[in-house]
N, C-alpha and C. Protein backbone atom coordinates (compact mmCIF):
# COMPACT_ATOMS: atom_id res chain seq x y z
N MET A 1 -45.64 25.57 -37.02
CA MET A 1 -46.52 26.02 -37.57
C MET A 1 -48.41 25.64 -37.34
N GLY A 2 -49.14 26.70 -37.33
CA GLY A 2 -50.02 26.61 -36.80
C GLY A 2 -51.44 26.51 -38.44
N THR A 3 -51.72 25.62 -37.09
CA THR A 3 -53.24 24.57 -38.13
C THR A 3 -54.72 26.50 -37.58
N LEU A 4 -55.38 26.60 -39.53
CA LEU A 4 -56.11 27.70 -39.35
C LEU A 4 -57.60 26.28 -39.43
N MET A 5 -58.50 26.29 -38.35
CA MET A 5 -59.55 25.86 -38.54
C MET A 5 -61.24 26.82 -38.53
N SER A 6 -61.58 26.39 -39.50
CA SER A 6 -62.36 27.34 -39.87
C SER A 6 -63.91 27.21 -39.87
N VAL A 7 -65.01 27.62 -38.66
CA VAL A 7 -66.76 26.97 -38.95
C VAL A 7 -67.16 27.57 -38.85
N ALA A 8 -68.65 26.75 -39.78
CA ALA A 8 -69.58 28.17 -40.21
C ALA A 8 -70.49 27.75 -39.51
N THR A 9 -71.39 28.60 -38.27
CA THR A 9 -72.34 28.28 -37.58
C THR A 9 -73.79 29.65 -37.69
N HIS A 10 -75.09 29.07 -37.91
CA HIS A 10 -75.82 30.40 -37.74
C HIS A 10 -76.48 30.44 -36.42
N SER A 11 -76.16 30.13 -35.82
CA SER A 11 -76.34 30.73 -34.27
C SER A 11 -75.78 31.15 -33.86
N ALA A 12 -75.94 32.59 -33.01
CA ALA A 12 -74.94 33.21 -32.82
C ALA A 12 -74.43 32.76 -31.36
N PRO A 13 -75.41 31.29 -30.26
CA PRO A 13 -74.92 31.11 -28.93
C PRO A 13 -73.66 30.17 -28.73
N VAL A 14 -73.21 29.14 -30.81
CA VAL A 14 -73.53 28.62 -30.46
C VAL A 14 -71.37 29.77 -30.98
N ARG A 15 -71.67 29.98 -32.00
CA ARG A 15 -70.13 30.85 -32.29
C ARG A 15 -69.24 30.86 -31.30
N ARG A 16 -70.26 31.62 -29.96
CA ARG A 16 -70.22 31.89 -28.96
C ARG A 16 -69.29 31.29 -28.06
N ALA A 17 -69.46 30.26 -27.39
CA ALA A 17 -69.03 29.25 -27.53
C ALA A 17 -68.26 28.35 -27.91
N LEU A 18 -67.89 27.72 -29.32
CA LEU A 18 -66.75 28.45 -30.06
C LEU A 18 -65.66 29.23 -29.92
N GLU A 19 -65.74 30.60 -30.25
CA GLU A 19 -64.83 30.97 -29.69
C GLU A 19 -64.61 30.44 -28.08
N ALA A 20 -65.45 30.56 -26.96
CA ALA A 20 -65.04 31.00 -25.98
C ALA A 20 -64.38 29.72 -26.26
N ASP A 21 -64.28 28.45 -25.87
CA ASP A 21 -63.91 27.13 -25.70
C ASP A 21 -62.59 27.33 -27.05
N ALA A 22 -62.20 27.75 -27.78
CA ALA A 22 -61.38 27.65 -28.38
C ALA A 22 -59.70 27.95 -27.82
N ASP A 23 -58.92 26.54 -28.02
CA ASP A 23 -57.37 25.91 -27.67
C ASP A 23 -56.46 27.29 -28.17
N THR A 24 -55.78 27.69 -27.77
CA THR A 24 -55.21 28.35 -28.25
C THR A 24 -53.74 27.82 -28.88
N GLY A 25 -53.57 26.67 -28.85
CA GLY A 25 -52.49 25.52 -28.91
C GLY A 25 -51.96 25.40 -29.81
N GLY A 26 -52.36 25.88 -30.87
CA GLY A 26 -51.39 26.26 -32.10
C GLY A 26 -52.56 25.98 -33.33
N THR A 27 -53.77 25.68 -32.98
CA THR A 27 -55.06 25.94 -33.72
C THR A 27 -55.88 27.60 -33.41
N ARG A 28 -55.65 27.76 -35.03
CA ARG A 28 -56.78 29.38 -35.20
C ARG A 28 -58.20 28.07 -35.32
N LEU A 29 -58.20 29.43 -34.36
CA LEU A 29 -60.21 28.44 -34.87
C LEU A 29 -61.25 30.23 -35.59
N VAL A 30 -61.86 30.39 -36.12
CA VAL A 30 -62.62 31.07 -36.55
C VAL A 30 -63.84 30.65 -36.68
N VAL A 31 -64.25 31.48 -36.13
CA VAL A 31 -65.87 30.74 -36.52
C VAL A 31 -66.82 32.23 -37.60
N HIS A 32 -67.88 31.50 -39.15
CA HIS A 32 -68.42 32.39 -40.00
C HIS A 32 -69.45 32.69 -39.49
N ALA A 33 -70.64 33.42 -39.99
CA ALA A 33 -71.97 33.24 -39.43
C ALA A 33 -72.56 31.80 -40.93
N ARG A 34 -72.23 32.62 -41.58
CA ARG A 34 -72.12 32.13 -43.06
C ARG A 34 -71.89 31.14 -44.08
N ALA A 35 -71.76 30.11 -44.73
CA ALA A 35 -70.49 29.22 -44.48
C ALA A 35 -69.89 29.76 -46.42
N ASP A 36 -71.01 30.69 -46.60
CA ASP A 36 -69.75 31.27 -48.13
C ASP A 36 -68.48 32.28 -47.71
N ILE A 37 -68.76 32.88 -46.27
CA ILE A 37 -67.80 33.33 -46.26
C ILE A 37 -66.24 33.18 -45.84
N ALA A 38 -67.71 31.59 -44.80
CA ALA A 38 -66.43 30.51 -44.33
C ALA A 38 -65.59 30.13 -45.43
N VAL A 39 -65.72 29.32 -46.57
CA VAL A 39 -64.66 29.11 -47.82
C VAL A 39 -64.32 30.27 -48.20
N ALA A 40 -64.97 31.61 -48.56
CA ALA A 40 -64.50 32.85 -49.35
C ALA A 40 -62.80 32.84 -48.09
N ALA A 41 -62.43 32.49 -47.26
CA ALA A 41 -61.68 32.98 -46.11
C ALA A 41 -60.49 31.91 -46.08
N TYR A 42 -61.09 30.54 -47.01
CA TYR A 42 -60.23 28.96 -46.95
C TYR A 42 -59.52 29.83 -48.45
N ALA A 43 -60.30 30.06 -48.91
CA ALA A 43 -59.53 30.75 -50.15
C ALA A 43 -58.54 31.31 -50.52
N ALA A 44 -58.76 32.63 -49.89
CA ALA A 44 -57.70 33.57 -49.22
C ALA A 44 -56.68 32.78 -48.04
N VAL A 45 -57.05 32.24 -47.34
CA VAL A 45 -55.09 31.35 -47.44
C VAL A 45 -54.97 30.66 -47.85
N ALA A 46 -55.84 30.19 -49.04
CA ALA A 46 -54.39 28.85 -49.64
C ALA A 46 -53.92 29.31 -50.66
């Protein structure tokens, strides 16, 4: 079973760095620009 990790940051360079360094070994990293969208995404998955 994979793991979904959701992160929110307003910084575009940080979002790009996190997406570029995301590990694909079972953990899916989703980077959002706004915290409310990250919370909504969690609610939709849970």
